[in-house]
N, C-alpha and C. Protein backbone atom coordinates (compact mmCIF):
# COMPACT_ATOMS: atom_id res chain seq x y z
N CYS A 1 186.45 69.36 -109.30
CA CYS A 1 184.91 69.51 -109.56
C CYS A 1 184.54 68.29 -108.23
N SER A 2 183.73 68.58 -107.75
CA SER A 2 183.24 67.86 -106.30
C SER A 2 182.35 66.91 -106.59
N CYS A 3 182.04 66.48 -107.88
CA CYS A 3 181.13 65.55 -108.46
C CYS A 3 181.56 64.32 -108.19
N THR A 4 180.42 63.09 -107.89
CA THR A 4 180.95 61.75 -108.20
C THR A 4 180.93 61.05 -109.23
N GLY A 5 181.17 60.00 -109.53
CA GLY A 5 180.87 59.53 -111.17
C GLY A 5 181.67 60.04 -112.13
N HIS A 6 183.02 60.57 -112.17
CA HIS A 6 183.87 60.90 -112.96
C HIS A 6 183.79 59.70 -114.15
N THR A 7 183.77 59.79 -115.41
CA THR A 7 184.13 59.04 -116.39
C THR A 7 184.87 59.59 -117.17
N VAL A 8 185.90 58.45 -118.35
CA VAL A 8 186.98 59.15 -119.01
C VAL A 8 186.28 59.05 -120.44
N LEU A 9 186.09 60.05 -121.34
CA LEU A 9 185.86 59.62 -122.83
C LEU A 9 187.16 59.59 -123.25
N LYS A 10 187.56 58.76 -123.96
CA LYS A 10 188.57 58.54 -124.70
C LYS A 10 188.65 59.00 -126.26
N GLN A 11 189.66 59.24 -126.56
CA GLN A 11 189.61 59.45 -128.28
C GLN A 11 188.39 60.34 -128.71
N VAL A 12 188.12 61.76 -128.16
CA VAL A 12 187.48 62.35 -129.05
C VAL A 12 188.41 62.99 -130.43
N ILE A 13 188.22 62.60 -131.53
CA ILE A 13 188.81 63.17 -132.55
C ILE A 13 188.54 64.61 -132.86
N ALA A 14 189.58 65.52 -132.57
CA ALA A 14 189.15 66.77 -133.23
C ALA A 14 189.82 67.32 -134.50
N VAL A 15 188.86 67.93 -135.22
CA VAL A 15 189.49 68.15 -136.34
C VAL A 15 189.46 69.75 -136.70
N TYR A 16 190.95 70.05 -137.03
CA TYR A 16 191.31 71.30 -137.42
C TYR A 16 191.89 71.86 -138.65
N MET A 17 191.93 73.30 -138.89
CA MET A 17 191.80 73.34 -140.22
C MET A 17 193.15 72.60 -140.91
N ASP A 18 194.14 72.27 -140.08
CA ASP A 18 195.22 71.85 -140.82
C ASP A 18 195.77 70.24 -140.20
N TYR A 19 195.04 70.00 -138.94
CA TYR A 19 195.57 68.61 -138.79
C TYR A 19 194.26 68.15 -137.80
N LEU A 20 194.68 67.02 -137.29
CA LEU A 20 193.52 66.12 -136.67
C LEU A 20 194.39 65.98 -135.28
N ASP A 21 193.55 65.67 -134.21
CA ASP A 21 194.11 65.58 -132.61
C ASP A 21 192.89 64.58 -131.88
N TYR A 22 193.74 63.82 -130.89
CA TYR A 22 192.79 62.90 -130.49
C TYR A 22 192.75 63.48 -128.97
N ILE A 23 191.92 64.00 -128.35
CA ILE A 23 191.75 64.64 -127.25
C ILE A 23 191.04 63.32 -126.03
N GLU A 24 191.32 63.51 -124.65
CA GLU A 24 190.80 62.71 -123.79
C GLU A 24 190.49 63.51 -122.79
N LEU A 25 189.05 63.12 -122.50
CA LEU A 25 188.39 64.45 -121.51
C LEU A 25 187.85 63.56 -120.06
N HIS A 26 187.82 64.28 -119.06
CA HIS A 26 187.49 63.71 -118.02
C HIS A 26 185.94 64.36 -117.94
N ILE A 27 185.06 63.66 -117.92
CA ILE A 27 183.62 64.14 -117.52
C ILE A 27 183.11 63.51 -116.49
N CYS A 28 181.96 64.55 -116.27
CA CYS A 28 180.89 64.35 -115.04
C CYS A 28 179.82 65.22 -115.07
N PRO A 29 178.89 64.91 -114.22
CA PRO A 29 177.54 65.93 -114.64
C PRO A 29 177.80 67.50 -114.51
N CYS A 30 178.72 67.82 -113.65
CA CYS A 30 179.19 69.38 -113.79
C CYS A 30 180.18 69.61 -114.91
N ALA A 31 180.44 68.83 -115.54
CA ALA A 31 181.58 69.20 -116.78
C ALA A 31 181.52 68.39 -118.03
N PRO A 32 180.19 68.65 -118.44
CA PRO A 32 179.86 67.39 -119.58
C PRO A 32 180.93 67.66 -120.63
N ALA A 33 180.79 66.66 -121.89
CA ALA A 33 181.95 66.87 -122.88
C ALA A 33 181.49 67.79 -123.77
N PRO A 34 180.15 68.15 -124.08
CA PRO A 34 180.10 69.03 -125.13
C PRO A 34 180.47 70.26 -124.50
N VAL A 35 180.20 70.61 -123.35
CA VAL A 35 180.75 72.01 -123.08
C VAL A 35 182.51 72.15 -123.02
N GLN A 36 183.14 71.11 -122.51
CA GLN A 36 184.58 71.04 -122.65
C GLN A 36 185.04 71.54 -123.91
N LEU A 37 184.38 70.85 -124.61
CA LEU A 37 184.72 70.95 -126.08
C LEU A 37 184.56 72.40 -126.85
N VAL A 38 183.41 72.93 -126.43
CA VAL A 38 182.99 74.40 -126.71
C VAL A 38 183.94 75.22 -126.00
N LYS A 39 184.53 75.06 -124.75
CA LYS A 39 185.67 75.94 -124.25
C LYS A 39 186.86 76.01 -124.90
N GLN A 40 186.98 74.80 -125.74
CA GLN A 40 188.55 74.59 -126.35
C GLN A 40 188.25 74.94 -127.50
N GLY A 41 187.09 75.85 -127.87
CA GLY A 41 187.04 76.00 -129.59
C GLY A 41 186.47 74.86 -130.49
N LEU A 42 186.02 73.91 -129.85
CA LEU A 42 185.47 72.69 -130.85
C LEU A 42 184.09 72.57 -130.92
N PHE A 43 183.36 72.28 -131.92
CA PHE A 43 181.96 72.13 -131.70
C PHE A 43 181.49 70.38 -132.00
N PRO A 44 181.16 70.15 -130.68
CA PRO A 44 180.87 68.49 -130.60
C PRO A 44 179.94 67.97 -131.64
N CYS A 45 180.26 66.85 -132.17
CA CYS A 45 179.07 66.00 -133.08
C CYS A 45 178.04 65.38 -132.53
N SER A 46 178.06 65.30 -131.14
CA SER A 46 177.11 64.79 -130.58
C SER A 46 176.63 65.37 -129.12
N PRO A 47 175.39 65.35 -128.78
CA PRO A 47 175.27 66.05 -127.73
C PRO A 47 175.48 65.77 -126.41
N VAL A 48 175.85 64.17 -126.41
CA VAL A 48 176.02 63.61 -125.10
C VAL A 48 177.64 63.20 -125.14
N HIS A 49 177.68 62.20 -125.85
CA HIS A 49 179.06 61.39 -125.86
C HIS A 49 179.95 61.48 -126.96
N PRO A 50 180.11 62.77 -127.64
CA PRO A 50 180.71 63.03 -128.78
C PRO A 50 182.30 61.99 -129.11
N ALA A 51 182.34 62.04 -130.23
CA ALA A 51 183.59 60.80 -130.53
C ALA A 51 184.42 62.03 -131.59
N LEU A 52 183.79 63.07 -132.00
CA LEU A 52 184.42 63.80 -133.18
C LEU A 52 183.57 65.30 -132.96
N ALA A 53 184.81 65.99 -133.04
CA ALA A 53 184.48 67.59 -132.79
C ALA A 53 185.29 68.23 -133.80
N VAL A 54 184.71 69.41 -134.82
CA VAL A 54 185.25 70.15 -135.42
C VAL A 54 185.62 71.44 -134.83
N SER A 55 186.90 72.07 -135.29
CA SER A 55 187.04 73.22 -134.97
C SER A 55 186.17 74.30 -135.38
N LEU A 56 185.75 75.41 -134.34
CA LEU A 56 184.91 76.59 -134.77
C LEU A 56 185.22 77.68 -136.09
N GLU A 57 186.59 77.39 -136.05
CA GLU A 57 187.24 78.24 -137.18
C GLU A 57 187.03 77.62 -138.33
N MET A 58 187.07 76.16 -138.66
CA MET A 58 186.65 75.46 -140.03
C MET A 58 185.17 75.41 -140.22
N LEU A 59 184.42 75.38 -139.15
CA LEU A 59 182.81 75.55 -139.13
C LEU A 59 182.88 77.05 -139.75
N GLU A 60 183.23 77.95 -139.37
CA GLU A 60 183.26 79.57 -139.69
C GLU A 60 183.69 79.58 -141.03
N PHE A 61 184.68 79.08 -141.74
CA PHE A 61 184.99 78.83 -142.91
C PHE A 61 184.22 78.01 -144.04
N MET A 62 183.75 77.18 -143.34
CA MET A 62 182.65 76.39 -144.59
C MET A 62 181.26 77.04 -144.31
N SER A 63 180.91 77.75 -143.41
CA SER A 63 179.75 78.47 -143.56
C SER A 63 179.93 79.95 -144.30
N GLU A 64 181.10 80.49 -144.48
CA GLU A 64 181.43 81.31 -145.39
C GLU A 64 181.54 80.92 -146.94
N LEU A 65 181.92 79.64 -147.15
CA LEU A 65 181.92 78.94 -148.20
C LEU A 65 180.44 78.90 -148.85
N PHE A 66 179.97 78.09 -148.07
CA PHE A 66 178.41 78.18 -148.57
C PHE A 66 177.52 79.25 -148.81
N MET A 67 177.77 80.44 -147.87
CA MET A 67 177.15 81.62 -148.16
C MET A 67 177.50 82.29 -149.58
N HIS A 68 178.91 81.92 -150.07
CA HIS A 68 179.28 82.39 -151.25
C HIS A 68 179.15 81.47 -152.69
N LEU A 69 178.90 80.04 -152.19
CA LEU A 69 178.71 78.93 -153.34
C LEU A 69 177.76 79.36 -154.44
N ALA A 70 178.36 79.43 -155.59
CA ALA A 70 177.38 79.95 -156.76
C ALA A 70 177.90 79.07 -157.86
N PRO A 71 177.00 78.72 -158.81
CA PRO A 71 177.72 78.11 -160.04
C PRO A 71 178.52 78.82 -160.75
N LYS A 72 179.72 79.27 -160.02
CA LYS A 72 180.83 79.99 -160.89
C LYS A 72 181.98 79.83 -160.46
N GLU A 73 182.87 79.80 -161.24
CA GLU A 73 184.35 79.22 -160.96
C GLU A 73 184.90 80.03 -159.48
N ALA A 74 184.69 81.33 -159.30
CA ALA A 74 185.16 82.02 -158.28
C ALA A 74 184.88 81.81 -157.04
N ALA A 75 183.90 80.98 -156.80
CA ALA A 75 183.14 80.82 -155.42
C ALA A 75 184.19 80.45 -154.44
N TRP A 76 185.22 79.69 -154.49
CA TRP A 76 185.98 79.12 -153.88
C TRP A 76 187.19 80.26 -153.14
N ALA A 77 187.16 81.01 -154.46
CA ALA A 77 188.31 82.14 -154.44
C ALA A 77 187.86 83.52 -153.23
N ASP A 78 186.70 83.88 -153.66
CA ASP A 78 185.80 84.72 -153.12
C ASP A 78 185.86 84.40 -151.37
N THR A 79 185.45 83.08 -151.48
CA THR A 79 185.17 82.57 -149.92
C THR A 79 186.83 82.73 -149.14
N LEU A 80 187.61 82.23 -149.65
CA LEU A 80 188.94 82.14 -149.22
C LEU A 80 189.35 83.32 -148.89
N VAL A 81 189.35 84.54 -149.74
CA VAL A 81 189.71 85.78 -149.66
C VAL A 81 189.01 86.49 -148.50
N LYS A 82 187.44 86.57 -148.45
CA LYS A 82 186.49 87.19 -147.19
C LYS A 82 187.40 86.77 -145.91
N PHE A 83 187.19 85.10 -145.77
CA PHE A 83 187.47 84.29 -144.83
C PHE A 83 189.01 84.80 -144.22
N LEU A 84 190.17 84.79 -145.24
CA LEU A 84 191.54 85.15 -144.47
C LEU A 84 191.40 86.77 -144.49
N ALA A 85 190.70 87.28 -145.07
CA ALA A 85 190.81 88.79 -144.69
C ALA A 85 189.99 89.31 -142.92
N ARG A 86 189.26 88.55 -142.49
CA ARG A 86 188.86 88.57 -141.02
C ARG A 86 189.85 88.02 -140.21
N TRP A 87 190.79 87.07 -140.98
CA TRP A 87 191.88 86.81 -140.03
C TRP A 87 193.02 87.59 -140.18
N GLY A 88 192.87 88.56 -141.00
CA GLY A 88 194.02 89.98 -141.12
C GLY A 88 195.23 89.81 -142.20
N HIS A 89 194.62 88.43 -142.80
CA HIS A 89 195.19 88.41 -144.18
C HIS A 89 194.65 88.92 -145.50
N VAL A 90 195.44 90.32 -146.00
CA VAL A 90 194.58 91.08 -147.07
C VAL A 90 195.54 91.18 -148.13
N PHE A 91 194.68 90.61 -149.36
CA PHE A 91 195.35 90.49 -150.41
C PHE A 91 195.65 91.83 -151.21
N LYS A 92 196.70 92.07 -151.52
CA LYS A 92 197.35 93.27 -152.25
C LYS A 92 196.37 93.56 -153.34
N ALA A 93 196.21 92.45 -154.27
CA ALA A 93 195.41 92.70 -155.75
C ALA A 93 194.29 91.88 -155.54
N GLN A 94 193.26 92.52 -156.29
CA GLN A 94 191.77 92.02 -156.22
C GLN A 94 191.68 91.01 -157.19
N ASP A 95 190.94 90.07 -157.08
CA ASP A 95 191.09 88.69 -157.94
C ASP A 95 192.10 88.10 -157.98
N LEU A 96 193.18 88.19 -157.04
CA LEU A 96 194.24 87.40 -157.11
C LEU A 96 194.48 86.13 -157.21
N LEU A 97 193.47 85.32 -156.61
CA LEU A 97 193.24 83.90 -156.43
C LEU A 97 192.81 83.37 -157.54
N CYS A 98 192.03 84.18 -158.22
CA CYS A 98 191.27 83.55 -159.64
C CYS A 98 191.93 83.81 -160.68
């Protein structure tokens, strides 16, 4: 980038479905931290200098969970089955997780 005034934003915590990672970003006016994080599949938790970012995959899962959350025992199982089906993991038996 041809911008002046590069700064380093250290230790952005990236939360994935199965692990945490620490990311170091080199930010400048033409490459702000939120834009870089979204390009990496992460949602920044602050619009300027995020210290935390959550994977879009995890946000999609939580969105699906909240869409199906109901006062019944099977909400978690229904959500997990539908979420995994979108990623190509289909269960052979219905209500297998229940």
